[in-house]
Amino acid sequence: MKFSKIYIGILFGVTLVSCSDDDTTPSIQTPDTYTFTRDGASTVSFSGQTTRIAMTHELGTAIKDETKSKAELLAMFDHAEGDADFSDADLNASDKNIRSKTAASSDYFSDNATDAAEIKAQIDTWIGNQHDEVFPQWEASASAGMAGQMADGTSTRYVSAEGIEYNQVIAKSLIGALFADQILNNYLSNSVLDESTNVEDNDAEVLAEGKTYTTMEHKWDEAYGYVYGGTDDDPSYLLNYIGSVDGNENYTGIAKTIEDAFILGRAAIVAKNYTVRDTQVEIIRENVSKVIAVRAVHYLQGGKDLLETQEFGGAFHDLSEGLGFVYSLQFTRKPNTNSPYFSKEDVEEFVDDILANENGLWNASSTTLDEVSQEIVDAFGLVMAEAAQ
């Protein structure tokens, strides 16, 4: 056991006991890893998240295959059970898909169907643009106003007439629209964790029908699964970038902070200590949101520097990733609020500003890239030079 986790549990326990002599607060037994059992059987389950992570990887690969039809690509995003959309038969047999969980959180979209539909449609459009604009020019050399391929060191990038690498924009936008939104604004929300009789059932250890876990335990696991539910070959996109930010010396430890909060929060559910649980939710929201912000600034600033030396292949790659992370900012969550750091309208304005000049990224303004980066830095309390590393 880790002293810090036990200490937090004791601290909250003392606080709660002081409210009433009759109250008792169960101690929190916090494991070193995300391992929880009941009567010798694991109570952890996030198979649906593993499935969707695998689907995002297959879609990401297919978007770079110029032989794919638009219908095939869109079907991978909006898979129907039994359709042969993937190379993996288990994915084809699944009743799950990416689109249904994109911009679909309880807190942000349960009463905002208009924005949810527009966000899904935006992903559809980017997928369609890759097919319609980039695939026909696959063997051509890209130039300002002309889609095609361009060198980036030993890699080849395929960009639109505006220099947009759609596969990067799509992947990074899904980090927010799918992964972060489902974690921060759905499965870790009180509207989902405490829905209906979930609290009473968890208190009484009433298990979901035919399962080893309570419904509240499972909802928490599903949030965890969107980060850690991938495989070695197909890790979560979000986990990759948590690692990237953790590798920046200015944010070392953020990966452990997020993982520890997931473990302690789950242990708190087992101990029926919802105050500690909710504290971990806010830690996760703050730090996952910070990961998205740091990478947005990192890529915008990296792309700006490469533009200045006319290394266009690398610049467009970085800026396309940056556009995706900027788009993902609308799915972040300010701790102890029901609001993102930036609204849908904010991020759409950022994207429009970056692409405003003739031929888009070919003539992106360094001033604009700095201004957008600074707005992100200010909102999150970051330091520009640190986030840009």
Protein backbone atom coordinates (compact mmCIF):
# COMPACT_ATOMS: atom_id res chain seq x y z
CA MET A 1 0.00 0.00 0.00
CA LYS A 2 1.10 3.57 -0.64
CA PHE A 3 1.29 5.88 2.40
CA SER A 4 -0.08 8.89 0.50
CA LYS A 5 -3.22 7.05 -0.50
CA ILE A 6 -3.84 5.66 2.98
CA TYR A 7 -3.28 9.11 4.44
CA ILE A 8 -5.85 10.69 2.14
CA GLY A 9 -8.38 8.03 3.11
CA ILE A 10 -7.73 8.60 6.82
CA LEU A 11 -7.90 12.38 6.41
CA PHE A 12 -11.33 12.27 4.77
CA GLY A 13 -12.46 9.63 7.26
CA VAL A 14 -11.62 11.91 10.19
CA THR A 15 -13.42 14.81 8.53
CA LEU A 16 -16.58 12.81 8.02
CA VAL A 17 -16.62 11.18 11.45
CA SER A 18 -16.42 14.63 13.08
CA CYS A 19 -19.85 15.47 11.61
CA SER A 20 -21.68 12.99 13.82
CA ASP A 21 -20.77 10.69 16.65
CA ASP A 22 -23.01 8.06 15.09
CA ASP A 23 -21.32 8.13 11.67
CA THR A 24 -18.68 5.59 10.74
CA THR A 25 -16.47 5.78 7.68
CA PRO A 26 -15.03 2.54 6.29
CA SER A 27 -11.27 2.56 5.86
CA ILE A 28 -10.07 2.64 2.27
CA GLN A 29 -7.92 -0.32 1.27
CA THR A 30 -5.99 1.05 -1.71
CA PRO A 31 -4.09 -1.44 -3.91
CA ASP A 32 -0.89 -0.52 -5.72
CA THR A 33 -2.48 -1.39 -9.06
CA TYR A 34 -6.00 -1.22 -10.47
CA THR A 35 -6.92 -4.68 -9.14
CA PHE A 36 -10.20 -5.23 -7.31
CA THR A 37 -11.87 -8.51 -6.38
CA ARG A 38 -14.95 -9.83 -4.62
CA ASP A 39 -15.05 -13.39 -3.33
CA GLY A 40 -11.90 -14.13 -5.30
CA ALA A 41 -13.25 -12.89 -8.65
CA SER A 42 -12.20 -9.71 -10.41
CA THR A 43 -14.76 -6.92 -10.29
CA VAL A 44 -13.05 -4.85 -13.00
CA SER A 45 -14.62 -4.77 -16.47
CA PHE A 46 -14.10 -2.38 -19.40
CA SER A 47 -14.39 -4.58 -22.50
CA GLY A 48 -16.49 -2.00 -24.33
CA GLN A 49 -13.71 0.54 -24.03
CA THR A 50 -11.15 -1.95 -25.32
CA THR A 51 -13.38 -2.55 -28.33
CA ARG A 52 -13.77 1.13 -29.16
CA ILE A 53 -10.04 1.77 -28.73
CA ALA A 54 -9.33 -1.01 -31.24
CA MET A 55 -11.89 0.49 -33.62
CA THR A 56 -10.17 3.89 -33.46
CA HIS A 57 -6.88 2.26 -34.40
CA GLU A 58 -8.35 0.44 -37.39
CA LEU A 59 -10.06 3.64 -38.53
CA GLY A 60 -6.80 5.55 -38.11
CA THR A 61 -5.01 3.05 -40.33
CA ALA A 62 -7.79 2.98 -42.94
CA ILE A 63 -7.80 6.77 -43.27
CA LYS A 64 -4.25 6.45 -44.64
CA ASP A 65 -5.25 3.78 -47.18
CA GLU A 66 -6.10 5.52 -50.44
CA THR A 67 -7.88 2.41 -51.76
CA LYS A 68 -10.68 2.75 -49.18
CA SER A 69 -14.03 4.13 -50.29
CA LYS A 70 -15.75 6.93 -48.41
CA ALA A 71 -18.54 4.53 -47.47
CA GLU A 72 -16.04 2.09 -45.97
CA LEU A 73 -14.39 4.79 -43.87
CA LEU A 74 -17.67 6.22 -42.61
CA ALA A 75 -18.89 2.71 -41.78
CA MET A 76 -15.85 2.18 -39.56
CA PHE A 77 -16.81 5.33 -37.64
CA ASP A 78 -20.49 4.34 -37.44
CA HIS A 79 -20.22 0.54 -37.33
CA ALA A 80 -23.37 -1.59 -37.25
CA GLU A 81 -23.33 -4.96 -35.51
CA GLY A 82 -22.43 -7.77 -37.91
CA ASP A 83 -21.12 -5.58 -40.73
CA ALA A 84 -17.66 -6.51 -42.00
CA ASP A 85 -16.13 -3.07 -41.44
CA PHE A 86 -12.94 -4.21 -39.70
CA SER A 87 -10.20 -6.78 -40.15
CA ASP A 88 -10.97 -8.14 -36.66
CA ALA A 89 -13.99 -10.45 -36.61
CA ASP A 90 -14.69 -9.60 -32.97
CA LEU A 91 -15.01 -5.92 -33.86
CA ASN A 92 -17.36 -6.77 -36.72
CA ALA A 93 -19.56 -8.78 -34.36
CA SER A 94 -19.70 -5.97 -31.80
CA ASP A 95 -22.78 -3.82 -31.30
CA LYS A 96 -20.51 -0.91 -30.36
CA ASN A 97 -19.12 1.88 -32.52
CA ILE A 98 -17.15 5.11 -32.24
CA ARG A 99 -19.78 7.56 -33.46
CA SER A 100 -22.39 6.77 -30.81
CA LYS A 101 -19.97 7.71 -28.03
CA THR A 102 -18.59 10.82 -29.74
CA ALA A 103 -19.84 14.03 -28.11
CA ALA A 104 -22.28 11.88 -26.14
CA SER A 105 -21.61 12.57 -22.46
CA SER A 106 -24.38 12.93 -19.92
CA ASP A 107 -23.18 16.26 -18.55
CA TYR A 108 -22.42 18.07 -21.81
CA PHE A 109 -24.77 16.60 -24.39
CA SER A 110 -27.81 14.95 -22.78
CA ASP A 111 -29.74 18.19 -23.35
CA ASN A 112 -27.62 19.55 -26.20
CA ALA A 113 -28.43 17.35 -29.19
CA THR A 114 -27.67 20.15 -31.64
CA ASP A 115 -24.01 20.50 -30.70
CA ALA A 116 -23.63 16.72 -30.44
CA ALA A 117 -24.94 16.27 -33.98
CA GLU A 118 -22.73 19.05 -35.33
CA ILE A 119 -19.61 17.55 -33.76
CA LYS A 120 -20.37 14.09 -35.16
CA ALA A 121 -21.02 15.70 -38.54
CA GLN A 122 -17.66 17.49 -38.35
CA ILE A 123 -15.85 14.16 -37.93
CA ASP A 124 -17.87 12.77 -40.85
CA THR A 125 -16.82 15.78 -42.94
CA TRP A 126 -13.13 15.36 -42.16
CA ILE A 127 -13.34 11.68 -43.07
CA GLY A 128 -15.08 12.59 -46.31
CA ASN A 129 -12.52 15.31 -47.08
CA GLN A 130 -9.69 12.81 -46.73
CA HIS A 131 -11.35 10.64 -49.35
CA ASP A 132 -12.50 13.41 -51.69
CA GLU A 133 -9.55 15.81 -51.50
CA VAL A 134 -6.47 13.82 -50.52
CA PHE A 135 -6.91 10.30 -51.91
CA PRO A 136 -7.21 11.46 -55.56
CA GLN A 137 -3.88 13.32 -55.16
CA TRP A 138 -2.07 10.50 -53.36
CA GLU A 139 0.84 10.32 -55.83
CA ALA A 140 1.00 14.06 -56.56
CA SER A 141 3.37 16.50 -54.89
CA ALA A 142 1.59 18.89 -52.57
CA SER A 143 1.90 22.62 -53.05
CA ALA A 144 0.02 25.69 -51.86
CA GLY A 145 -3.56 25.19 -53.00
CA MET A 146 -2.86 21.64 -54.20
CA ALA A 147 -3.39 18.45 -52.18
CA GLY A 148 -0.79 15.72 -52.31
CA GLN A 149 2.20 14.22 -50.55
CA MET A 150 5.23 15.87 -49.02
CA ALA A 151 8.35 14.75 -47.21
CA ASP A 152 8.83 15.07 -43.47
CA GLY A 153 12.24 13.62 -42.75
CA THR A 154 11.94 9.91 -43.50
CA SER A 155 8.13 10.07 -43.43
CA THR A 156 5.66 11.02 -46.14
CA ARG A 157 2.71 13.21 -45.20
CA TYR A 158 -0.52 13.45 -47.20
CA VAL A 159 -2.21 16.82 -46.95
CA SER A 160 -5.14 18.77 -48.35
CA ALA A 161 -4.83 21.89 -50.49
CA GLU A 162 -4.74 23.85 -47.22
CA GLY A 163 -1.95 21.69 -45.79
CA ILE A 164 -4.26 19.81 -43.43
CA GLU A 165 -3.34 16.24 -42.54
CA TYR A 166 -6.87 15.03 -41.88
CA ASN A 167 -5.87 11.74 -40.27
CA GLN A 168 -4.09 13.71 -37.55
CA VAL A 169 -6.94 16.16 -37.04
CA ILE A 170 -9.42 13.28 -36.70
CA ALA A 171 -7.31 11.25 -34.27
CA LYS A 172 -6.54 14.19 -32.00
CA SER A 173 -10.13 15.44 -32.08
CA LEU A 174 -11.32 12.02 -30.92
CA ILE A 175 -9.02 12.29 -27.90
CA GLY A 176 -11.42 14.97 -26.74
CA ALA A 177 -14.71 14.10 -28.41
CA LEU A 178 -14.58 10.39 -27.50
CA PHE A 179 -12.02 9.68 -24.79
CA ALA A 180 -12.01 12.80 -22.60
CA ASP A 181 -15.73 13.47 -22.98
CA GLN A 182 -16.68 9.96 -21.93
CA ILE A 183 -14.25 9.99 -19.00
CA LEU A 184 -14.63 13.49 -17.59
CA ASN A 185 -18.20 14.33 -18.47
CA ASN A 186 -19.93 10.97 -18.52
CA TYR A 187 -18.64 8.01 -16.53
CA LEU A 188 -17.11 10.13 -13.75
CA SER A 189 -20.12 12.43 -13.51
CA ASN A 190 -22.54 12.27 -10.60
CA SER A 191 -25.35 11.94 -13.12
CA VAL A 192 -23.91 8.56 -14.13
CA LEU A 193 -22.15 7.31 -11.00
CA ASP A 194 -25.10 8.17 -8.74
CA GLU A 195 -27.91 7.54 -11.23
CA SER A 196 -31.12 5.97 -9.95
CA THR A 197 -30.36 3.60 -7.04
CA ASN A 198 -26.62 3.32 -7.70
CA VAL A 199 -25.60 4.75 -4.33
CA GLU A 200 -28.02 2.59 -2.35
CA ASP A 201 -27.05 -0.48 -4.37
CA ASN A 202 -23.35 0.19 -3.87
CA ASP A 203 -23.85 0.71 -0.14
CA ALA A 204 -25.67 -2.63 0.07
CA GLU A 205 -23.31 -4.33 -2.43
CA VAL A 206 -26.19 -5.17 -4.74
CA LEU A 207 -24.48 -6.47 -7.85
CA ALA A 208 -25.45 -5.84 -11.45
CA GLU A 209 -27.41 -8.80 -12.75
CA GLY A 210 -25.12 -11.74 -13.46
CA LYS A 211 -21.99 -9.71 -12.68
CA THR A 212 -19.36 -9.52 -9.94
CA TYR A 213 -19.51 -5.73 -9.62
CA THR A 214 -21.93 -3.02 -8.57
CA THR A 215 -23.14 -0.61 -11.24
CA MET A 216 -21.16 2.25 -9.70
CA GLU A 217 -17.98 0.18 -9.72
CA HIS A 218 -18.53 -0.64 -13.37
CA LYS A 219 -19.15 2.97 -14.41
CA TRP A 220 -15.86 3.97 -12.81
CA ASP A 221 -14.13 1.07 -14.59
CA GLU A 222 -15.49 2.28 -17.91
CA ALA A 223 -13.89 5.68 -17.36
CA TYR A 224 -10.63 3.94 -16.45
CA GLY A 225 -10.91 1.78 -19.58
CA TYR A 226 -10.85 4.76 -21.92
CA VAL A 227 -7.34 5.50 -20.64
CA TYR A 228 -5.91 2.09 -19.80
CA GLY A 229 -8.16 -0.36 -21.66
CA GLY A 230 -6.11 -0.69 -24.83
CA THR A 231 -3.57 -3.35 -25.68
CA ASP A 232 0.18 -3.08 -26.21
CA ASP A 233 -0.46 -2.97 -29.96
CA ASP A 234 -3.49 -0.67 -29.73
CA PRO A 235 -3.10 1.61 -26.70
CA SER A 236 -5.55 4.38 -25.98
CA TYR A 237 -4.74 7.55 -27.93
CA LEU A 238 -5.19 9.44 -24.67
CA LEU A 239 -2.74 7.23 -22.76
CA ASN A 240 -0.08 7.91 -25.40
CA TYR A 241 -0.31 11.64 -24.83
CA ILE A 242 -0.49 11.39 -21.06
CA GLY A 243 2.87 9.68 -21.47
CA SER A 244 4.13 12.41 -23.79
CA VAL A 245 3.24 15.17 -21.33
CA ASP A 246 4.69 13.17 -18.44
CA GLY A 247 7.91 12.97 -20.48
CA ASN A 248 8.12 16.77 -20.47
CA GLU A 249 10.24 17.56 -17.41
CA ASN A 250 7.87 20.36 -16.49
CA TYR A 251 4.98 17.92 -16.01
CA THR A 252 6.76 14.83 -14.73
CA GLY A 253 4.43 12.92 -12.43
CA ILE A 254 1.17 13.81 -14.16
CA ALA A 255 0.74 10.23 -15.39
CA LYS A 256 1.09 8.86 -11.86
CA THR A 257 -1.27 11.53 -10.52
CA ILE A 258 -3.97 10.44 -12.96
CA GLU A 259 -3.47 6.71 -12.38
CA ASP A 260 -3.34 7.07 -8.60
CA ALA A 261 -6.59 9.05 -8.66
CA PHE A 262 -8.29 6.31 -10.66
CA ILE A 263 -7.10 3.66 -8.19
CA LEU A 264 -8.02 5.61 -5.06
CA GLY A 265 -11.39 6.63 -6.50
CA ARG A 266 -12.27 3.01 -7.24
CA ALA A 267 -11.10 1.94 -3.79
CA ALA A 268 -13.25 4.69 -2.29
CA ILE A 269 -16.30 3.29 -4.10
CA VAL A 270 -15.59 -0.12 -2.59
CA ALA A 271 -15.30 1.57 0.82
CA LYS A 272 -18.49 3.57 0.14
CA ASN A 273 -16.60 6.81 0.72
CA TYR A 274 -18.06 9.13 -1.91
CA THR A 275 -16.29 12.24 -0.65
CA VAL A 276 -12.91 10.72 -1.45
CA ARG A 277 -14.31 9.39 -4.73
CA ASP A 278 -15.45 12.84 -5.80
CA THR A 279 -12.11 14.39 -4.88
CA GLN A 280 -10.39 11.94 -7.24
CA VAL A 281 -12.85 12.84 -10.01
CA GLU A 282 -11.72 16.47 -9.84
CA ILE A 283 -8.05 15.46 -9.88
CA ILE A 284 -8.64 13.39 -13.01
CA ARG A 285 -10.64 16.15 -14.70
CA GLU A 286 -7.97 18.76 -14.01
CA ASN A 287 -5.04 16.68 -15.18
CA VAL A 288 -6.56 15.03 -18.25
CA SER A 289 -7.71 18.48 -19.35
CA LYS A 290 -4.18 19.78 -18.79
CA VAL A 291 -2.75 17.04 -21.03
CA ILE A 292 -4.95 18.22 -23.90
CA ALA A 293 -3.98 21.85 -23.35
CA VAL A 294 -0.25 21.18 -23.13
CA ARG A 295 -0.24 19.17 -26.35
CA ALA A 296 -2.27 21.82 -28.15
CA VAL A 297 0.33 24.46 -27.26
CA HIS A 298 3.22 22.08 -27.98
CA TYR A 299 2.04 21.37 -31.52
CA LEU A 300 0.99 24.91 -32.38
CA GLN A 301 4.36 26.25 -31.29
CA GLY A 302 6.31 23.42 -32.89
CA GLY A 303 4.45 23.90 -36.16
CA LYS A 304 5.05 27.66 -36.02
CA ASP A 305 8.81 27.15 -35.64
CA LEU A 306 8.92 24.71 -38.58
CA LEU A 307 6.93 27.10 -40.77
CA GLU A 308 9.51 29.79 -40.13
CA THR A 309 12.24 27.51 -41.53
CA GLN A 310 9.93 26.38 -44.37
CA GLU A 311 9.97 22.75 -43.23
CA PHE A 312 6.42 22.40 -44.47
CA GLY A 313 5.98 18.63 -44.08
CA GLY A 314 6.84 18.70 -40.39
CA ALA A 315 5.02 21.98 -39.87
CA PHE A 316 1.75 20.73 -41.34
CA HIS A 317 2.01 17.50 -39.36
CA ASP A 318 2.43 19.40 -36.09
CA LEU A 319 -0.21 22.00 -36.91
CA SER A 320 -2.73 19.33 -37.90
CA GLU A 321 -2.18 17.61 -34.57
CA GLY A 322 -2.49 21.01 -32.93
CA LEU A 323 -5.81 21.68 -34.67
CA GLY A 324 -7.14 18.38 -33.34
CA PHE A 325 -6.05 19.12 -29.78
CA VAL A 326 -7.50 22.63 -30.03
CA TYR A 327 -10.80 21.10 -31.15
CA SER A 328 -10.61 18.75 -28.15
CA LEU A 329 -10.45 21.65 -25.70
CA GLN A 330 -14.26 21.93 -25.77
CA PHE A 331 -14.46 18.54 -24.00
CA THR A 332 -12.17 19.49 -21.12
CA ARG A 333 -13.58 20.12 -17.66
CA LYS A 334 -12.76 22.84 -15.16
CA PRO A 335 -12.58 21.20 -11.71
CA ASN A 336 -15.66 21.73 -9.56
CA THR A 337 -17.68 23.12 -12.47
CA ASN A 338 -19.88 21.81 -15.24
CA SER A 339 -17.96 23.75 -17.89
CA PRO A 340 -15.07 23.22 -20.31
CA TYR A 341 -12.12 25.60 -20.41
CA PHE A 342 -13.24 26.64 -23.91
CA SER A 343 -16.65 26.37 -25.55
CA LYS A 344 -17.45 24.83 -28.91
CA GLU A 345 -17.69 28.34 -30.35
CA ASP A 346 -14.30 29.26 -28.89
CA VAL A 347 -12.47 26.33 -30.45
CA GLU A 348 -14.20 26.73 -33.80
CA GLU A 349 -13.05 30.36 -33.82
CA PHE A 350 -9.49 29.27 -33.00
CA VAL A 351 -9.49 26.78 -35.89
CA ASP A 352 -10.99 29.32 -38.29
CA ASP A 353 -8.39 31.92 -37.28
CA ILE A 354 -5.50 29.51 -37.84
CA LEU A 355 -6.80 28.60 -41.31
CA ALA A 356 -7.95 32.12 -42.23
CA ASN A 357 -5.15 33.07 -44.62
CA GLU A 358 -5.10 32.03 -48.27
CA ASN A 359 -4.22 28.33 -48.62
CA GLY A 360 -4.69 27.70 -44.91
CA LEU A 361 -1.65 26.28 -43.15
CA TRP A 362 0.67 27.22 -46.01
CA ASN A 363 0.32 30.82 -44.89
CA ALA A 364 -0.63 30.38 -41.24
CA SER A 365 0.20 33.47 -39.22
CA SER A 366 2.83 33.13 -36.51
CA THR A 367 1.04 35.90 -34.66
CA THR A 368 -2.23 33.96 -34.72
CA LEU A 369 -0.53 30.75 -33.57
CA ASP A 370 1.02 32.67 -30.68
CA GLU A 371 -2.29 34.32 -29.79
CA VAL A 372 -4.21 31.04 -29.71
CA SER A 373 -1.41 29.39 -27.72
CA GLN A 374 -1.42 32.27 -25.24
CA GLU A 375 -5.17 32.02 -24.70
CA ILE A 376 -4.77 28.34 -23.87
CA VAL A 377 -1.80 29.00 -21.58
CA ASP A 378 -3.70 31.72 -19.73
CA ALA A 379 -6.86 29.63 -19.29
CA PHE A 380 -4.95 26.69 -17.81
CA GLY A 381 -2.34 28.65 -15.86
CA LEU A 382 0.50 27.17 -17.90
CA VAL A 383 3.87 28.63 -18.90
CA MET A 384 4.27 28.95 -22.67
CA ALA A 385 7.91 27.86 -22.83
CA GLU A 386 7.22 24.83 -20.65
CA ALA A 387 4.17 23.63 -22.58
CA ALA A 388 5.90 24.20 -25.92
CA GLN A 389 8.72 21.74 -25.11
